[in-house]
């Protein structure tokens, strides 16, 4: 079967061998592997099971430069890029009011050149499962516009304003979905970190009140376009797993094991959703041994892959603090599945 076929088999809950995987690299990890393997030929073994594209042209930190380390995005928010991760310095909407504030339209983000580049990338990978994404999701976008503390306060003290803000973002994202669906893609990805490592940041009840009905509209639009729904979400969201399945999520990406046990998720929900991820980027990847990593990859393939519904991946791309020998162990385990 082609790489795309293996991914679709997993999403349709049918076991495959090998289990499709994704493996990304940040910082100097890939270059260190070049040195480890004596050149870049190892990269050819990374089967492109999934290819991700985007129609969004603007850098998420914004195209308007303020100075050498700060930029302003289309919502007016100022970001610092000299910190890791990037730091929100000034929210675009500092008060809970839309008075004298011009909310951007989809045209501020959808770039014809980006659309054409995404189309070319899709056409260059006809045998891959292709996913179109568009960045920050509903909840995340509220705090990138208002600031994190302000957004959480709005959900309690200014609920009418917060709902209007979410409604405006939802309409924007529906436009992104419509444009993305015109590409030859199999799925459309929303990215929204609803949780931290303790639980749902808004709390399950407020998430259900504010986010759930609007997220349902987005998933419905994706399905109406004949595409599969994918969501990237970090953190602990086990308390709302039944909700996201109810409103139509096909694939959950990240599955951060430091926040929730992927094996428990598989037992309870694995016949109704596909999990993509599960290898600990904050635990075994930086701090385990190569043998620890090989053992955990084998367990993921065996237990998460049972009955299908699994795509192998780290919760995050391999981070700069990943030791070279660990990066090599993951690469070997992924590409030489037992």
C-alpha atoms as a PDB file:
ATOM      1  CA  UNK A   1       0.000   0.000   0.000  1.00  0.00           C
ATOM      2  CA  UNK A   2       1.022   3.588  -0.544  1.00  0.00           C
ATOM      3  CA  UNK A   3       1.741   5.826   2.466  1.00  0.00           C
ATOM      4  CA  UNK A   4      -1.642   7.544   2.126  1.00  0.00           C
ATOM      5  CA  UNK A   5      -3.416   4.177   2.108  1.00  0.00           C
ATOM      6  CA  UNK A   6      -1.734   3.154   5.369  1.00  0.00           C
ATOM      7  CA  UNK A   7      -2.828   6.395   7.064  1.00  0.00           C
ATOM      8  CA  UNK A   8      -6.405   5.964   5.854  1.00  0.00           C
ATOM      9  CA  UNK A   9      -6.439   2.348   7.008  1.00  0.00           C
ATOM     10  CA  UNK A  10      -5.430   3.488  10.484  1.00  0.00           C
ATOM     11  CA  UNK A  11      -8.065   6.252  10.541  1.00  0.00           C
ATOM     12  CA  UNK A  12     -10.645   3.640   9.546  1.00  0.00           C
ATOM     13  CA  UNK A  13      -9.454   1.493  12.461  1.00  0.00           C
ATOM     14  CA  UNK A  14      -7.740  -1.230  10.546  1.00  0.00           C
ATOM     15  CA  UNK A  15      -4.316  -2.447  11.630  1.00  0.00           C
ATOM     16  CA  UNK A  16      -1.339  -1.945   9.324  1.00  0.00           C
ATOM     17  CA  UNK A  17       2.311  -2.896   9.275  1.00  0.00           C
ATOM     18  CA  UNK A  18       4.213  -0.696   9.257  1.00  0.00           C
ATOM     19  CA  UNK A  19       2.353   1.844  11.354  1.00  0.00           C
ATOM     20  CA  UNK A  20       2.551   5.204   9.566  1.00  0.00           C
ATOM     21  CA  UNK A  21       4.614   7.824  11.371  1.00  0.00           C
ATOM     22  CA  UNK A  22       5.715  11.441  11.342  1.00  0.00           C
ATOM     23  CA  UNK A  23       9.041  12.650  12.711  1.00  0.00           C
ATOM     24  CA  UNK A  24      10.028  16.314  12.764  1.00  0.00           C
ATOM     25  CA  UNK A  25      13.150  18.086  13.978  1.00  0.00           C
ATOM     26  CA  UNK A  26      13.787  21.493  15.524  1.00  0.00           C
ATOM     27  CA  UNK A  27      16.979  23.398  16.201  1.00  0.00           C
ATOM     28  CA  UNK A  28      20.112  21.538  15.157  1.00  0.00           C
ATOM     29  CA  UNK A  29      18.821  17.992  15.662  1.00  0.00           C
ATOM     30  CA  UNK A  30      18.704  17.075  11.961  1.00  0.00           C
ATOM     31  CA  UNK A  31      22.174  18.530  11.356  1.00  0.00           C
ATOM     32  CA  UNK A  32      23.551  16.515  14.277  1.00  0.00           C
ATOM     33  CA  UNK A  33      22.030  13.405  12.727  1.00  0.00           C
ATOM     34  CA  UNK A  34      23.749  14.300   9.445  1.00  0.00           C
ATOM     35  CA  UNK A  35      27.045  14.208  11.331  1.00  0.00           C
ATOM     36  CA  UNK A  36      26.068  11.039  13.185  1.00  0.00           C
ATOM     37  CA  UNK A  37      25.254   9.189   9.951  1.00  0.00           C
ATOM     38  CA  UNK A  38      28.059  10.757   7.906  1.00  0.00           C
ATOM     39  CA  UNK A  39      25.731  12.693   5.599  1.00  0.00           C
ATOM     40  CA  UNK A  40      22.071  13.440   4.846  1.00  0.00           C
ATOM     41  CA  UNK A  41      21.213  10.118   3.143  1.00  0.00           C
ATOM     42  CA  UNK A  42      19.353   8.944   6.284  1.00  0.00           C
ATOM     43  CA  UNK A  43      16.627  11.507   5.502  1.00  0.00           C
ATOM     44  CA  UNK A  44      15.563   9.484   2.468  1.00  0.00           C
ATOM     45  CA  UNK A  45      14.289   6.795   4.849  1.00  0.00           C
ATOM     46  CA  UNK A  46      11.684   9.193   6.291  1.00  0.00           C
ATOM     47  CA  UNK A  47       8.622   8.036   4.374  1.00  0.00           C
ATOM     48  CA  UNK A  48       6.298  11.046   3.829  1.00  0.00           C
ATOM     49  CA  UNK A  49       3.184   9.398   5.209  1.00  0.00           C
ATOM     50  CA  UNK A  50       1.650  12.789   6.008  1.00  0.00           C
ATOM     51  CA  UNK A  51       2.361  16.096   4.252  1.00  0.00           C
ATOM     52  CA  UNK A  52       1.137  19.320   5.846  1.00  0.00           C
ATOM     53  CA  UNK A  53       0.410  22.498   3.900  1.00  0.00           C
ATOM     54  CA  UNK A  54      -1.134  25.887   4.584  1.00  0.00           C
ATOM     55  CA  UNK A  55      -2.875  28.640   2.652  1.00  0.00           C
ATOM     56  CA  UNK A  56      -1.865  31.226   5.236  1.00  0.00           C
ATOM     57  CA  UNK A  57       0.780  33.616   4.013  1.00  0.00           C
ATOM     58  CA  UNK A  58       1.376  35.742   7.085  1.00  0.00           C
ATOM     59  CA  UNK A  59       3.940  34.506   9.559  1.00  0.00           C
ATOM     60  CA  UNK A  60       2.114  33.798  12.825  1.00  0.00           C
ATOM     61  CA  UNK A  61       4.300  36.438  14.522  1.00  0.00           C
ATOM     62  CA  UNK A  62       3.158  38.975  11.937  1.00  0.00           C
ATOM     63  CA  UNK A  63       4.689  40.516   8.851  1.00  0.00           C
ATOM     64  CA  UNK A  64       4.842  44.075  10.193  1.00  0.00           C
ATOM     65  CA  UNK A  65       8.241  44.620  11.797  1.00  0.00           C
ATOM     66  CA  UNK A  66       8.391  46.859  14.854  1.00  0.00           C
ATOM     67  CA  UNK A  67      12.118  46.376  15.409  1.00  0.00           C
ATOM     68  CA  UNK A  68      14.679  43.594  14.971  1.00  0.00           C
ATOM     69  CA  UNK A  69      13.054  41.332  17.555  1.00  0.00           C
ATOM     70  CA  UNK A  70       9.401  42.448  17.581  1.00  0.00           C
ATOM     71  CA  UNK A  71       6.607  42.234  15.013  1.00  0.00           C
ATOM     72  CA  UNK A  72       2.888  42.978  14.816  1.00  0.00           C
ATOM     73  CA  UNK A  73       0.337  40.510  13.470  1.00  0.00           C
ATOM     74  CA  UNK A  74      -2.919  41.213  11.602  1.00  0.00           C
ATOM     75  CA  UNK A  75      -4.852  41.495  14.881  1.00  0.00           C
ATOM     76  CA  UNK A  76      -2.495  44.192  16.161  1.00  0.00           C
ATOM     77  CA  UNK A  77      -0.736  41.944  18.693  1.00  0.00           C
ATOM     78  CA  UNK A  78       2.988  42.563  19.167  1.00  0.00           C
ATOM     79  CA  UNK A  79       5.235  39.498  19.503  1.00  0.00           C
ATOM     80  CA  UNK A  80       8.870  39.096  20.528  1.00  0.00           C
ATOM     81  CA  UNK A  81      10.741  36.538  18.445  1.00  0.00           C
ATOM     82  CA  UNK A  82      14.025  36.615  20.388  1.00  0.00           C
ATOM     83  CA  UNK A  83      12.601  34.337  23.106  1.00  0.00           C
ATOM     84  CA  UNK A  84      11.783  30.641  22.945  1.00  0.00           C
ATOM     85  CA  UNK A  85       8.874  30.213  22.693  1.00  0.00           C
ATOM     86  CA  UNK A  86       7.933  33.553  21.161  1.00  0.00           C
ATOM     87  CA  UNK A  87       6.484  35.985  23.693  1.00  0.00           C
ATOM     88  CA  UNK A  88       3.277  38.005  23.406  1.00  0.00           C
ATOM     89  CA  UNK A  89       4.338  41.507  24.399  1.00  0.00           C
ATOM     90  CA  UNK A  90       1.198  43.590  23.776  1.00  0.00           C
ATOM     91  CA  UNK A  91      -2.298  42.315  22.876  1.00  0.00           C
ATOM     92  CA  UNK A  92      -3.975  43.747  19.801  1.00  0.00           C
ATOM     93  CA  UNK A  93      -7.242  44.288  21.699  1.00  0.00           C
ATOM     94  CA  UNK A  94      -6.295  45.409  25.226  1.00  0.00           C
ATOM     95  CA  UNK A  95      -9.879  46.141  26.344  1.00  0.00           C
ATOM     96  CA  UNK A  96     -12.998  43.915  26.085  1.00  0.00           C
ATOM     97  CA  UNK A  97     -14.591  46.083  23.415  1.00  0.00           C
ATOM     98  CA  UNK A  98     -14.637  46.161  19.610  1.00  0.00           C
ATOM     99  CA  UNK A  99     -15.134  49.922  19.517  1.00  0.00           C
ATOM    100  CA  UNK A 100     -12.675  51.478  17.056  1.00  0.00           C
ATOM    101  CA  UNK A 101     -11.180  48.031  16.411  1.00  0.00           C
ATOM    102  CA  UNK A 102     -11.095  46.652  12.877  1.00  0.00           C
ATOM    103  CA  UNK A 103     -11.302  42.867  13.010  1.00  0.00           C
ATOM    104  CA  UNK A 104      -9.261  41.430  10.107  1.00  0.00           C
ATOM    105  CA  UNK A 105     -10.893  39.495   7.292  1.00  0.00           C
ATOM    106  CA  UNK A 106      -9.667  36.264   5.753  1.00  0.00           C
ATOM    107  CA  UNK A 107      -8.003  38.266   2.966  1.00  0.00           C
ATOM    108  CA  UNK A 108      -5.441  39.469   5.514  1.00  0.00           C
ATOM    109  CA  UNK A 109      -4.225  35.896   5.911  1.00  0.00           C
ATOM    110  CA  UNK A 110      -4.971  33.909   2.747  1.00  0.00           C
ATOM    111  CA  UNK A 111      -2.093  34.558   0.370  1.00  0.00           C
ATOM    112  CA  UNK A 112      -2.481  33.516  -3.297  1.00  0.00           C
ATOM    113  CA  UNK A 113       1.206  32.638  -3.397  1.00  0.00           C
ATOM    114  CA  UNK A 114       0.834  30.445  -0.306  1.00  0.00           C
ATOM    115  CA  UNK A 115      -2.219  28.786  -1.861  1.00  0.00           C
ATOM    116  CA  UNK A 116      -0.317  28.036  -5.041  1.00  0.00           C
ATOM    117  CA  UNK A 117       2.692  26.753  -3.083  1.00  0.00           C
ATOM    118  CA  UNK A 118       0.376  24.504  -1.050  1.00  0.00           C
ATOM    119  CA  UNK A 119      -1.210  23.177  -4.235  1.00  0.00           C
ATOM    120  CA  UNK A 120       2.195  22.413  -5.754  1.00  0.00           C
ATOM    121  CA  UNK A 121       3.278  20.631  -2.588  1.00  0.00           C
ATOM    122  CA  UNK A 122       0.126  18.517  -2.621  1.00  0.00           C
ATOM    123  CA  UNK A 123       0.625  17.631  -6.256  1.00  0.00           C
ATOM    124  CA  UNK A 124       4.256  16.707  -5.564  1.00  0.00           C
ATOM    125  CA  UNK A 125       3.115  14.164  -2.943  1.00  0.00           C
ATOM    126  CA  UNK A 126       0.162  12.316  -4.518  1.00  0.00           C
ATOM    127  CA  UNK A 127       0.910   9.183  -2.499  1.00  0.00           C
ATOM    128  CA  UNK A 128       0.888  10.958   0.888  1.00  0.00           C
ATOM    129  CA  UNK A 129      -1.988  11.797   3.208  1.00  0.00           C
ATOM    130  CA  UNK A 130      -2.209  15.580   2.808  1.00  0.00           C
ATOM    131  CA  UNK A 131      -3.426  17.931   5.523  1.00  0.00           C
ATOM    132  CA  UNK A 132      -4.113  21.670   5.292  1.00  0.00           C
ATOM    133  CA  UNK A 133      -3.791  23.708   8.487  1.00  0.00           C
ATOM    134  CA  UNK A 134      -4.191  27.351   9.409  1.00  0.00           C
ATOM    135  CA  UNK A 135      -2.591  27.919  12.804  1.00  0.00           C
ATOM    136  CA  UNK A 136      -4.115  29.140  16.057  1.00  0.00           C
ATOM    137  CA  UNK A 137      -7.518  27.688  16.947  1.00  0.00           C
ATOM    138  CA  UNK A 138     -10.558  29.280  18.550  1.00  0.00           C
ATOM    139  CA  UNK A 139      -9.410  29.339  22.179  1.00  0.00           C
ATOM    140  CA  UNK A 140      -5.799  30.163  21.372  1.00  0.00           C
ATOM    141  CA  UNK A 141      -6.812  32.983  19.095  1.00  0.00           C
ATOM    142  CA  UNK A 142      -8.826  34.632  21.872  1.00  0.00           C
ATOM    143  CA  UNK A 143      -5.731  34.984  24.014  1.00  0.00           C
ATOM    144  CA  UNK A 144      -3.427  35.970  21.157  1.00  0.00           C
ATOM    145  CA  UNK A 145      -5.821  38.863  20.523  1.00  0.00           C
ATOM    146  CA  UNK A 146      -6.617  39.758  24.142  1.00  0.00           C
ATOM    147  CA  UNK A 147      -3.620  38.461  26.090  1.00  0.00           C
ATOM    148  CA  UNK A 148      -3.775  35.244  28.112  1.00  0.00           C
ATOM    149  CA  UNK A 149      -4.939  36.610  31.456  1.00  0.00           C
ATOM    150  CA  UNK A 150      -7.413  38.973  29.810  1.00  0.00           C
ATOM    151  CA  UNK A 151      -8.979  36.172  27.772  1.00  0.00           C
ATOM    152  CA  UNK A 152      -9.476  33.951  30.809  1.00  0.00           C
ATOM    153  CA  UNK A 153     -10.961  36.886  32.692  1.00  0.00           C
ATOM    154  CA  UNK A 154     -13.294  37.637  29.769  1.00  0.00           C
ATOM    155  CA  UNK A 155     -14.700  34.091  29.914  1.00  0.00           C
ATOM    156  CA  UNK A 156     -15.861  34.820  33.475  1.00  0.00           C
ATOM    157  CA  UNK A 157     -16.412  38.573  33.720  1.00  0.00           C
ATOM    158  CA  UNK A 158     -17.275  39.484  30.110  1.00  0.00           C
ATOM    159  CA  UNK A 159     -19.008  36.387  28.709  1.00  0.00           C
ATOM    160  CA  UNK A 160     -21.039  38.287  26.075  1.00  0.00           C
ATOM    161  CA  UNK A 161     -17.902  39.930  24.726  1.00  0.00           C
ATOM    162  CA  UNK A 162     -16.012  36.634  24.845  1.00  0.00           C
ATOM    163  CA  UNK A 163     -18.745  34.904  22.859  1.00  0.00           C
ATOM    164  CA  UNK A 164     -18.740  37.660  20.244  1.00  0.00           C
ATOM    165  CA  UNK A 165     -14.964  37.373  19.977  1.00  0.00           C
ATOM    166  CA  UNK A 166     -15.265  33.619  19.463  1.00  0.00           C
ATOM    167  CA  UNK A 167     -18.031  34.111  16.897  1.00  0.00           C
ATOM    168  CA  UNK A 168     -15.841  36.458  14.871  1.00  0.00           C
ATOM    169  CA  UNK A 169     -12.931  34.024  15.011  1.00  0.00           C
ATOM    170  CA  UNK A 170     -15.242  31.164  14.009  1.00  0.00           C
ATOM    171  CA  UNK A 171     -16.376  33.022  10.887  1.00  0.00           C
ATOM    172  CA  UNK A 172     -12.744  33.687  10.014  1.00  0.00           C
ATOM    173  CA  UNK A 173     -11.884  30.024  10.426  1.00  0.00           C
ATOM    174  CA  UNK A 174     -14.844  28.922   8.337  1.00  0.00           C
ATOM    175  CA  UNK A 175     -13.378  31.016   5.533  1.00  0.00           C
ATOM    176  CA  UNK A 176      -9.994  29.337   6.063  1.00  0.00           C
ATOM    177  CA  UNK A 177     -11.654  25.910   5.882  1.00  0.00           C
ATOM    178  CA  UNK A 178     -13.510  26.784   2.689  1.00  0.00           C
ATOM    179  CA  UNK A 179     -10.297  27.939   1.012  1.00  0.00           C
ATOM    180  CA  UNK A 180      -8.282  24.968   2.323  1.00  0.00           C
ATOM    181  CA  UNK A 181     -10.909  22.526   1.093  1.00  0.00           C
ATOM    182  CA  UNK A 182     -10.249  23.635  -2.476  1.00  0.00           C
ATOM    183  CA  UNK A 183      -6.812  22.029  -2.269  1.00  0.00           C
ATOM    184  CA  UNK A 184      -6.365  18.319  -3.076  1.00  0.00           C
ATOM    185  CA  UNK A 185      -6.061  17.427   0.626  1.00  0.00           C
ATOM    186  CA  UNK A 186      -7.473  14.557   2.667  1.00  0.00           C
ATOM    187  CA  UNK A 187      -7.856  16.404   5.953  1.00  0.00           C
ATOM    188  CA  UNK A 188      -8.008  19.858   7.491  1.00  0.00           C
ATOM    189  CA  UNK A 189      -6.229  20.555  10.757  1.00  0.00           C
ATOM    190  CA  UNK A 190      -7.278  22.914  13.520  1.00  0.00           C
ATOM    191  CA  UNK A 191      -4.624  23.684  16.146  1.00  0.00           C
ATOM    192  CA  UNK A 192      -5.833  24.626  19.599  1.00  0.00           C
ATOM    193  CA  UNK A 193      -4.148  23.863  22.914  1.00  0.00           C
ATOM    194  CA  UNK A 194      -7.241  23.524  25.074  1.00  0.00           C
ATOM    195  CA  UNK A 195      -5.297  22.018  27.947  1.00  0.00           C
ATOM    196  CA  UNK A 196      -2.248  22.462  30.085  1.00  0.00           C
ATOM    197  CA  UNK A 197      -0.750  19.499  31.881  1.00  0.00           C
ATOM    198  CA  UNK A 198      -3.318  19.712  34.683  1.00  0.00           C
ATOM    199  CA  UNK A 199      -6.498  19.823  32.618  1.00  0.00           C
ATOM    200  CA  UNK A 200      -8.697  21.949  30.354  1.00  0.00           C
ATOM    201  CA  UNK A 201      -7.561  25.557  30.783  1.00  0.00           C
ATOM    202  CA  UNK A 202     -11.043  27.082  30.603  1.00  0.00           C
ATOM    203  CA  UNK A 203     -12.386  24.157  32.611  1.00  0.00           C
ATOM    204  CA  UNK A 204     -14.587  21.505  30.996  1.00  0.00           C
ATOM    205  CA  UNK A 205     -17.854  23.386  31.630  1.00  0.00           C
ATOM    206  CA  UNK A 206     -16.710  26.688  30.126  1.00  0.00           C
ATOM    207  CA  UNK A 207     -15.039  24.835  27.247  1.00  0.00           C
ATOM    208  CA  UNK A 208     -18.394  23.170  26.550  1.00  0.00           C
ATOM    209  CA  UNK A 209     -20.205  26.502  26.737  1.00  0.00           C
ATOM    210  CA  UNK A 210     -17.844  28.626  24.668  1.00  0.00           C
ATOM    211  CA  UNK A 211     -15.693  26.421  22.436  1.00  0.00           C
ATOM    212  CA  UNK A 212     -17.606  23.206  21.811  1.00  0.00           C
ATOM    213  CA  UNK A 213     -20.550  24.551  19.748  1.00  0.00           C
ATOM    214  CA  UNK A 214     -18.258  26.669  17.593  1.00  0.00           C
ATOM    215  CA  UNK A 215     -15.718  23.895  17.125  1.00  0.00           C
ATOM    216  CA  UNK A 216     -18.617  21.676  16.071  1.00  0.00           C
ATOM    217  CA  UNK A 217     -19.400  24.156  13.291  1.00  0.00           C
ATOM    218  CA  UNK A 218     -15.816  23.932  12.059  1.00  0.00           C
ATOM    219  CA  UNK A 219     -15.798  20.135  12.064  1.00  0.00           C
ATOM    220  CA  UNK A 220     -19.154  20.100  10.275  1.00  0.00           C
ATOM    221  CA  UNK A 221     -17.763  22.397   7.570  1.00  0.00           C
ATOM    222  CA  UNK A 222     -14.744  20.126   7.107  1.00  0.00           C
ATOM    223  CA  UNK A 223     -16.920  17.031   6.803  1.00  0.00           C
ATOM    224  CA  UNK A 224     -19.337  18.801   4.455  1.00  0.00           C
ATOM    225  CA  UNK A 225     -16.339  19.488   2.210  1.00  0.00           C
ATOM    226  CA  UNK A 226     -15.563  15.763   2.153  1.00  0.00           C
ATOM    227  CA  UNK A 227     -12.438  16.037   4.307  1.00  0.00           C
ATOM    228  CA  UNK A 228     -11.338  14.440   7.566  1.00  0.00           C
ATOM    229  CA  UNK A 229     -11.000  16.485  10.747  1.00  0.00           C
ATOM    230  CA  UNK A 230      -7.636  16.692  12.501  1.00  0.00           C
ATOM    231  CA  UNK A 231      -6.865  18.737  15.615  1.00  0.00           C
ATOM    232  CA  UNK A 232      -3.523  19.434  17.215  1.00  0.00           C
ATOM    233  CA  UNK A 233      -3.991  19.848  20.948  1.00  0.00           C
ATOM    234  CA  UNK A 234      -1.407  19.708  23.704  1.00  0.00           C
ATOM    235  CA  UNK A 235      -2.192  19.222  27.364  1.00  0.00           C
ATOM    236  CA  UNK A 236      -4.633  17.132  29.373  1.00  0.00           C
ATOM    237  CA  UNK A 237      -8.049  17.027  27.688  1.00  0.00           C
ATOM    238  CA  UNK A 238      -9.207  13.583  28.810  1.00  0.00           C
ATOM    239  CA  UNK A 239     -12.195  15.224  30.527  1.00  0.00           C
ATOM    240  CA  UNK A 240     -13.580  16.412  27.179  1.00  0.00           C
ATOM    241  CA  UNK A 241     -12.491  13.507  24.972  1.00  0.00           C
ATOM    242  CA  UNK A 242     -16.066  12.297  24.663  1.00  0.00           C
ATOM    243  CA  UNK A 243     -17.126  15.798  23.630  1.00  0.00           C
ATOM    244  CA  UNK A 244     -14.584  16.168  20.823  1.00  0.00           C
ATOM    245  CA  UNK A 245     -15.551  12.747  19.480  1.00  0.00           C
ATOM    246  CA  UNK A 246     -19.235  13.695  19.713  1.00  0.00           C
ATOM    247  CA  UNK A 247     -18.747  16.828  17.606  1.00  0.00           C
ATOM    248  CA  UNK A 248     -16.836  14.994  14.899  1.00  0.00           C
ATOM    249  CA  UNK A 249     -13.092  14.874  15.500  1.00  0.00           C
ATOM    250  CA  UNK A 250     -11.461  12.114  13.465  1.00  0.00           C
ATOM    251  CA  UNK A 251      -7.794  12.481  14.495  1.00  0.00           C
ATOM    252  CA  UNK A 252      -6.263  13.964  17.663  1.00  0.00           C
ATOM    253  CA  UNK A 253      -2.630  14.957  17.252  1.00  0.00           C
ATOM    254  CA  UNK A 254       0.025  15.364  19.965  1.00  0.00           C
ATOM    255  CA  UNK A 255      -1.334  12.998  22.658  1.00  0.00           C
ATOM    256  CA  UNK A 256       1.144  14.372  25.182  1.00  0.00           C
ATOM    257  CA  UNK A 257       1.936  11.484  27.561  1.00  0.00           C
ATOM    258  CA  UNK A 258       3.191  13.794  30.308  1.00  0.00           C
ATOM    259  CA  UNK A 259      -0.359  15.159  30.483  1.00  0.00           C
ATOM    260  CA  UNK A 260      -2.523  12.081  29.830  1.00  0.00           C
ATOM    261  CA  UNK A 261      -1.823   8.386  29.484  1.00  0.00           C
ATOM    262  CA  UNK A 262      -2.126   7.424  25.785  1.00  0.00           C
ATOM    263  CA  UNK A 263      -2.732   3.784  26.684  1.00  0.00           C
ATOM    264  CA  UNK A 264      -5.703   4.683  28.882  1.00  0.00           C
ATOM    265  CA  UNK A 265      -7.050   6.891  26.081  1.00  0.00           C
ATOM    266  CA  UNK A 266      -6.703   3.980  23.676  1.00  0.00           C
ATOM    267  CA  UNK A 267      -8.609   1.636  25.991  1.00  0.00           C
ATOM    268  CA  UNK A 268     -11.515   4.037  26.464  1.00  0.00           C
ATOM    269  CA  UNK A 269     -11.784   5.844  23.145  1.00  0.00           C
ATOM    270  CA  UNK A 270      -9.535   4.041  20.667  1.00  0.00           C
ATOM    271  CA  UNK A 271     -12.364   2.529  18.645  1.00  0.00           C
ATOM    272  CA  UNK A 272     -13.903   5.968  17.977  1.00  0.00           C
ATOM    273  CA  UNK A 273     -10.962   8.254  17.215  1.00  0.00           C
ATOM    274  CA  UNK A 274      -7.435   8.048  15.820  1.00  0.00           C
ATOM    275  CA  UNK A 275      -4.543   9.137  18.042  1.00  0.00           C
ATOM    276  CA  UNK A 276      -1.454  10.663  16.431  1.00  0.00           C
ATOM    277  CA  UNK A 277       1.580  11.056  18.696  1.00  0.00           C
ATOM    278  CA  UNK A 278       2.186   9.726  22.186  1.00  0.00           C
ATOM    279  CA  UNK A 279       5.997   9.590  22.483  1.00  0.00           C
ATOM    280  CA  UNK A 280       7.060  11.871  25.340  1.00  0.00           C
ATOM    281  CA  UNK A 281       8.905  14.994  24.218  1.00  0.00           C
ATOM    282  CA  UNK A 282       9.413  16.147  27.818  1.00  0.00           C
ATOM    283  CA  UNK A 283      10.313  12.802  29.333  1.00  0.00           C
ATOM    284  CA  UNK A 284      11.731   9.806  27.533  1.00  0.00           C
ATOM    285  CA  UNK A 285      13.029  11.714  24.495  1.00  0.00           C
ATOM    286  CA  UNK A 286      15.402  14.079  26.331  1.00  0.00           C
ATOM    287  CA  UNK A 287      15.984  12.047  29.507  1.00  0.00           C
ATOM    288  CA  UNK A 288      15.630   8.372  28.602  1.00  0.00           C
ATOM    289  CA  UNK A 289      18.245   6.067  27.144  1.00  0.00           C
ATOM    290  CA  UNK A 290      18.224   4.819  23.564  1.00  0.00           C
ATOM    291  CA  UNK A 291      16.992   1.470  24.865  1.00  0.00           C
ATOM    292  CA  UNK A 292      14.194   3.217  26.784  1.00  0.00           C
ATOM    293  CA  UNK A 293      13.116   4.885  23.565  1.00  0.00           C
ATOM    294  CA  UNK A 294      13.200   1.715  21.493  1.00  0.00           C
ATOM    295  CA  UNK A 295      11.175  -0.061  24.171  1.00  0.00           C
ATOM    296  CA  UNK A 296       8.558   2.691  24.291  1.00  0.00           C
ATOM    297  CA  UNK A 297       8.229   2.826  20.488  1.00  0.00           C
ATOM    298  CA  UNK A 298       7.651  -0.936  20.450  1.00  0.00           C
ATOM    299  CA  UNK A 299       4.963  -0.566  23.104  1.00  0.00           C
ATOM    300  CA  UNK A 300       3.264   2.268  21.219  1.00  0.00           C
ATOM    301  CA  UNK A 301       3.223   0.223  18.020  1.00  0.00           C
ATOM    302  CA  UNK A 302       1.875  -2.844  19.812  1.00  0.00           C
ATOM    303  CA  UNK A 303      -0.724  -1.317  22.146  1.00  0.00           C
ATOM    304  CA  UNK A 304      -1.743   1.898  20.391  1.00  0.00           C
ATOM    305  CA  UNK A 305      -1.657   0.184  17.007  1.00  0.00           C
ATOM    306  CA  UNK A 306      -3.941  -2.659  18.093  1.00  0.00           C
ATOM    307  CA  UNK A 307      -7.146  -2.434  16.076  1.00  0.00           C
ATOM    308  CA  UNK A 308      -5.861   0.524  14.072  1.00  0.00           C
ATOM    309  CA  UNK A 309      -6.561   4.134  14.924  1.00  0.00           C
ATOM    310  CA  UNK A 310      -2.941   5.161  15.520  1.00  0.00           C
ATOM    311  CA  UNK A 311      -0.236   7.223  13.829  1.00  0.00           C
ATOM    312  CA  UNK A 312       3.184   7.019  15.465  1.00  0.00           C
ATOM    313  CA  UNK A 313       4.906  10.293  16.387  1.00  0.00           C
ATOM    314  CA  UNK A 314       6.537  12.239  19.188  1.00  0.00           C
ATOM    315  CA  UNK A 315       4.188  14.641  20.953  1.00  0.00           C
ATOM    316  CA  UNK A 316       6.399  17.400  19.542  1.00  0.00           C
ATOM    317  CA  UNK A 317       9.089  17.515  16.900  1.00  0.00           C
ATOM    318  CA  UNK A 318      12.445  16.454  18.356  1.00  0.00           C
ATOM    319  CA  UNK A 319      13.566  19.449  20.397  1.00  0.00           C
ATOM    320  CA  UNK A 320      17.098  20.916  20.498  1.00  0.00           C
ATOM    321  CA  UNK A 321      17.736  19.326  23.915  1.00  0.00           C
ATOM    322  CA  UNK A 322      17.261  15.816  22.473  1.00  0.00           C
ATOM    323  CA  UNK A 323      20.608  13.982  22.685  1.00  0.00           C
ATOM    324  CA  UNK A 324      21.934  12.854  19.319  1.00  0.00           C
ATOM    325  CA  UNK A 325      21.977   9.200  20.347  1.00  0.00           C
ATOM    326  CA  UNK A 326      18.315   9.449  21.375  1.00  0.00           C
ATOM    327  CA  UNK A 327      17.340  11.123  18.109  1.00  0.00           C
ATOM    328  CA  UNK A 328      19.103   8.332  16.223  1.00  0.00           C
ATOM    329  CA  UNK A 329      17.362   5.683  18.345  1.00  0.00           C
ATOM    330  CA  UNK A 330      13.936   7.169  17.574  1.00  0.00           C
ATOM    331  CA  UNK A 331      14.727   7.402  13.882  1.00  0.00           C
ATOM    332  CA  UNK A 332      15.854   3.776  13.779  1.00  0.00           C
ATOM    333  CA  UNK A 333      12.841   2.560  15.775  1.00  0.00           C
ATOM    334  CA  UNK A 334      10.392   4.440  13.559  1.00  0.00           C
ATOM    335  CA  UNK A 335      11.915   3.352  10.261  1.00  0.00           C
ATOM    336  CA  UNK A 336      12.673  -0.267  11.292  1.00  0.00           C
ATOM    337  CA  UNK A 337       9.485  -1.263  13.055  1.00  0.00           C
ATOM    338  CA  UNK A 338       9.554  -4.780  14.447  1.00  0.00           C
END
